[in-house]
Amino acid sequence: MEKEIKERLELWGLRLQPDALEKLETLAAEIKKKNAMLNLISKNDEPCLWSRHLADSLAAAPLLLKLTAPGALAADAGCGPGLPGLPLAAALPSVNFELWDSNRKRVEFALWAAGEMKLKNAAAHHRRIGQSGAFELARYDVVLERAMGKLENILPQCLNMLKSGGVFLAWQSGREDAAAPSSLKALKKKGAKLEAEFAYTLPGETRERLILVFRKDGK
């Protein structure tokens, strides 16, 4: 891990243990090794894998440390090659992660990578959000969404996956989608609200990024 990335994570409030760093190095190596065959990330992103993908995934770790209790169950509702679920599982061994994706090859890679990382708190499933019946009805303490498009399109399904009192973390480039009429309607219908936000910049960038935190009513 580059010194700049390590310092940025510590600035956010995350100090990784040696065991977690080793797991992350394994994940990075597996993504680079199999990327040409499986198209896991853009080839242009390979040189900045740590800053653009792993660090961006880990930006949620300080939030999860504050928002979850040991043993919490989190869903990565569109994990691709395991991002952000696998980096977060490496950093937060007290939280259990279930990674969802509709692309079978990427799910198979995430399962393989979790095994290579020797993770005991991560599993991956070939499931499509909004079409998985009982598997997604109020099961999770946390739902994560890093790269699934417009917030208003996935907010209802992600809120549906949460237990009462659970939180949904959405990686966003701005606040506009959270204020869209369809987003506000979904929040009202599910008894949820925008509770907090975390603004951050990635190493080598000046553009502000956001993780929005939505809380489902615990009543």
Protein backbone atom coordinates (compact mmCIF):
# COMPACT_ATOMS: atom_id res chain seq x y z
CA MET A 1 0.00 0.00 0.00
CA GLU A 2 1.31 3.43 -0.93
CA LYS A 3 2.14 5.78 1.94
CA GLU A 4 -0.28 8.44 0.65
CA ILE A 5 -3.19 5.99 0.67
CA LYS A 6 -2.36 4.74 4.16
CA GLU A 7 -2.21 8.34 5.43
CA ARG A 8 -5.54 9.17 3.77
CA LEU A 9 -7.23 6.19 5.41
CA GLU A 10 -5.87 7.25 8.81
CA LEU A 11 -7.14 10.78 8.16
CA TRP A 12 -10.61 9.28 7.68
CA GLY A 13 -10.24 7.41 10.97
CA LEU A 14 -9.20 3.97 9.73
CA ARG A 15 -5.96 2.35 10.89
CA LEU A 16 -5.56 -1.03 9.24
CA GLN A 17 -4.03 -3.95 11.09
CA PRO A 18 -1.23 -5.95 9.39
CA ASP A 19 -3.58 -8.88 8.80
CA ALA A 20 -6.06 -6.60 7.02
CA LEU A 21 -3.32 -5.10 4.88
CA GLU A 22 -2.20 -8.56 3.82
CA LYS A 23 -5.75 -9.47 2.80
CA LEU A 24 -6.08 -6.27 0.77
CA GLU A 25 -2.78 -6.91 -1.00
CA THR A 26 -4.09 -10.37 -1.91
CA LEU A 27 -7.30 -8.90 -3.33
CA ALA A 28 -5.40 -6.33 -5.40
CA ALA A 29 -3.13 -9.04 -6.79
CA GLU A 30 -6.08 -11.31 -7.71
CA ILE A 31 -7.95 -8.49 -9.47
CA LYS A 32 -4.89 -7.60 -11.56
CA LYS A 33 -4.14 -11.25 -12.31
CA LYS A 34 -7.65 -12.05 -13.61
CA ASN A 35 -8.75 -8.67 -14.97
CA ALA A 36 -7.84 -9.30 -18.61
CA MET A 37 -9.90 -12.48 -18.69
CA LEU A 38 -12.90 -11.38 -16.59
CA ASN A 39 -13.04 -7.60 -17.20
CA LEU A 40 -13.38 -6.88 -13.48
CA ILE A 41 -12.36 -3.21 -13.70
CA SER A 42 -11.34 -0.89 -16.52
CA LYS A 43 -7.85 -1.73 -17.75
CA ASN A 44 -7.03 1.98 -17.42
CA ASP A 45 -7.83 1.71 -13.70
CA GLU A 46 -5.27 -1.01 -13.00
CA PRO A 47 -2.43 1.44 -12.15
CA CYS A 48 -4.73 3.29 -9.70
CA LEU A 49 -6.53 0.24 -8.30
CA TRP A 50 -5.63 1.15 -4.73
CA SER A 51 -6.68 4.78 -4.86
CA ARG A 52 -9.72 4.58 -7.15
CA HIS A 53 -11.26 1.30 -5.98
CA LEU A 54 -9.83 -0.06 -2.72
CA ALA A 55 -9.49 3.28 -0.91
CA ASP A 56 -12.89 4.37 -2.22
CA SER A 57 -14.41 1.16 -0.85
CA LEU A 58 -12.69 1.63 2.52
CA ALA A 59 -14.07 5.16 2.88
CA ALA A 60 -17.17 3.55 4.42
CA ALA A 61 -15.25 1.70 7.13
CA PRO A 62 -15.16 4.55 9.69
CA LEU A 63 -18.91 5.01 9.21
CA LEU A 64 -19.60 1.32 9.74
CA LEU A 65 -17.47 1.31 12.89
CA LYS A 66 -19.81 3.95 14.32
CA LEU A 67 -23.08 2.62 12.91
CA THR A 68 -22.86 -1.14 13.53
CA ALA A 69 -22.57 -3.52 16.46
CA PRO A 70 -20.39 -6.65 16.40
CA GLY A 71 -22.07 -9.39 14.40
CA ALA A 72 -24.01 -7.00 12.15
CA LEU A 73 -25.05 -8.33 8.73
CA ALA A 74 -24.29 -6.12 5.72
CA ALA A 75 -25.28 -6.57 2.07
CA ASP A 76 -23.21 -5.25 -0.82
CA ALA A 77 -26.10 -4.84 -3.24
CA GLY A 78 -24.10 -4.92 -6.48
CA CYS A 79 -20.56 -5.98 -5.70
CA GLY A 80 -19.04 -6.49 -9.15
CA PRO A 81 -15.61 -8.02 -8.40
CA GLY A 82 -16.19 -7.64 -4.66
CA LEU A 83 -16.11 -3.88 -4.22
CA PRO A 84 -16.75 -2.48 -1.66
CA GLY A 85 -17.66 -5.67 0.24
CA LEU A 86 -14.33 -7.53 0.24
CA PRO A 87 -12.13 -4.57 1.29
CA LEU A 88 -14.61 -3.74 4.06
CA ALA A 89 -14.71 -7.36 5.21
CA ALA A 90 -10.90 -7.31 5.47
CA ALA A 91 -10.93 -4.09 7.48
CA LEU A 92 -13.92 -4.95 9.71
CA PRO A 93 -13.79 -8.59 10.84
CA SER A 94 -16.63 -8.02 13.34
CA VAL A 95 -19.14 -7.32 10.52
CA ASN A 96 -20.51 -10.08 8.28
CA PHE A 97 -20.86 -9.29 4.57
CA GLU A 98 -23.05 -10.87 1.89
CA LEU A 99 -22.08 -9.76 -1.60
CA TRP A 100 -24.75 -9.69 -4.32
CA ASP A 101 -24.33 -9.46 -8.07
CA SER A 102 -26.31 -10.55 -11.13
CA ASN A 103 -23.13 -11.39 -13.10
CA ARG A 104 -22.21 -14.99 -12.32
CA LYS A 105 -18.57 -14.68 -13.38
CA ARG A 106 -18.01 -11.74 -11.06
CA VAL A 107 -19.69 -13.56 -8.20
CA GLU A 108 -17.45 -16.56 -8.82
CA PHE A 109 -14.43 -14.25 -8.75
CA ALA A 110 -15.60 -12.64 -5.48
CA LEU A 111 -15.97 -16.11 -3.93
CA TRP A 112 -12.52 -17.10 -5.14
CA ALA A 113 -10.95 -13.86 -3.88
CA ALA A 114 -12.63 -14.21 -0.48
CA GLY A 115 -11.09 -17.66 -0.18
CA GLU A 116 -7.64 -16.44 -1.20
CA MET A 117 -7.96 -13.62 1.34
CA LYS A 118 -8.94 -16.17 4.02
CA LEU A 119 -11.98 -14.13 4.96
CA LYS A 120 -14.33 -15.73 7.47
CA ASN A 121 -16.91 -12.94 7.33
CA ALA A 122 -17.76 -12.72 3.61
CA ALA A 123 -19.92 -14.72 1.20
CA ALA A 124 -21.01 -13.96 -2.38
CA HIS A 125 -24.33 -14.81 -4.05
CA HIS A 126 -25.61 -14.77 -7.62
CA ARG A 127 -28.69 -12.64 -6.95
CA ARG A 128 -30.36 -9.65 -8.58
CA ILE A 129 -31.66 -6.91 -6.30
CA GLY A 130 -35.41 -6.48 -6.64
CA GLN A 131 -35.90 -10.04 -7.93
CA SER A 132 -34.76 -12.25 -5.05
CA GLY A 133 -37.87 -12.62 -2.95
CA ALA A 134 -37.41 -13.52 0.70
CA PHE A 135 -33.63 -13.21 0.43
CA GLU A 136 -33.97 -9.43 0.38
CA LEU A 137 -36.91 -8.69 2.68
CA ALA A 138 -35.79 -6.81 5.80
CA ARG A 139 -32.77 -9.08 6.43
CA TYR A 140 -29.88 -6.66 6.78
CA ASP A 141 -28.53 -4.22 9.34
CA VAL A 142 -26.62 -2.42 6.57
CA VAL A 143 -26.96 -2.20 2.79
CA LEU A 144 -24.13 -0.79 0.64
CA GLU A 145 -24.30 0.56 -2.91
CA ARG A 146 -21.17 1.87 -4.60
CA ALA A 147 -21.75 1.76 -8.36
CA MET A 148 -25.37 1.12 -9.30
CA GLY A 149 -26.35 4.29 -11.12
CA LYS A 150 -28.97 6.85 -10.12
CA LEU A 151 -29.97 6.79 -6.46
CA GLU A 152 -33.68 7.23 -7.14
CA ASN A 153 -33.70 4.00 -9.16
CA ILE A 154 -32.21 1.74 -6.49
CA LEU A 155 -33.28 3.46 -3.26
CA PRO A 156 -36.62 1.59 -2.88
CA GLN A 157 -35.02 -1.85 -3.32
CA CYS A 158 -32.12 -1.11 -0.99
CA LEU A 159 -34.41 0.23 1.73
CA ASN A 160 -36.56 -2.88 1.30
CA MET A 161 -33.55 -5.05 2.24
CA LEU A 162 -33.03 -3.27 5.57
CA LYS A 163 -34.28 -4.32 8.95
CA SER A 164 -36.14 -1.68 10.93
CA GLY A 165 -33.51 0.74 12.22
CA GLY A 166 -30.95 -0.33 9.59
CA VAL A 167 -28.81 1.98 7.46
CA PHE A 168 -28.22 2.27 3.72
CA LEU A 169 -24.86 3.71 2.59
CA ALA A 170 -24.82 5.12 -0.96
CA TRP A 171 -21.67 6.34 -2.71
CA GLN A 172 -22.62 9.49 -4.65
CA SER A 173 -20.97 12.28 -6.63
CA GLY A 174 -23.43 14.87 -5.30
CA ARG A 175 -26.52 15.47 -3.17
CA GLU A 176 -28.96 16.15 -6.00
CA ASP A 177 -30.37 12.64 -6.38
CA ALA A 178 -31.23 12.44 -2.68
CA ALA A 179 -33.53 15.44 -3.14
CA ALA A 180 -35.23 14.15 -6.30
CA PRO A 181 -39.04 13.77 -5.92
CA SER A 182 -38.86 10.01 -6.56
CA SER A 183 -36.17 9.61 -3.88
CA LEU A 184 -38.17 11.62 -1.35
CA LYS A 185 -41.25 9.53 -2.17
CA ALA A 186 -39.33 6.28 -1.60
CA LEU A 187 -37.95 7.55 1.70
CA LYS A 188 -41.40 8.54 2.92
CA LYS A 189 -42.95 5.23 1.86
CA LYS A 190 -40.32 3.20 3.73
CA GLY A 191 -40.22 5.49 6.76
CA ALA A 192 -36.59 6.43 6.10
CA LYS A 193 -34.56 9.63 6.12
CA LEU A 194 -31.17 11.00 5.14
CA GLU A 195 -29.33 10.88 8.45
CA ALA A 196 -25.74 11.85 7.66
CA GLU A 197 -23.12 12.24 4.94
CA PHE A 198 -19.39 11.69 4.71
CA ALA A 199 -17.46 13.94 2.30
CA TYR A 200 -14.00 12.84 1.22
CA THR A 201 -11.43 13.04 -1.56
CA LEU A 202 -9.34 10.19 -2.88
CA PRO A 203 -5.53 10.32 -3.09
CA GLY A 204 -4.50 12.16 -6.24
CA GLU A 205 -7.91 13.81 -6.71
CA THR A 206 -9.47 17.14 -5.79
CA ARG A 207 -13.10 16.25 -6.57
CA GLU A 208 -15.25 15.75 -3.50
CA ARG A 209 -17.07 12.45 -3.17
CA LEU A 210 -19.91 11.57 -0.81
CA ILE A 211 -21.29 8.62 1.07
CA LEU A 212 -24.90 9.32 2.07
CA VAL A 213 -26.34 7.50 5.08
CA PHE A 214 -30.07 6.75 5.11
CA ARG A 215 -31.76 5.34 8.22
CA LYS A 216 -34.89 3.21 8.09
CA ASP A 217 -37.34 4.04 10.87
CA GLY A 218 -36.78 1.81 13.88
CA LYS A 219 -40.30 2.19 15.25
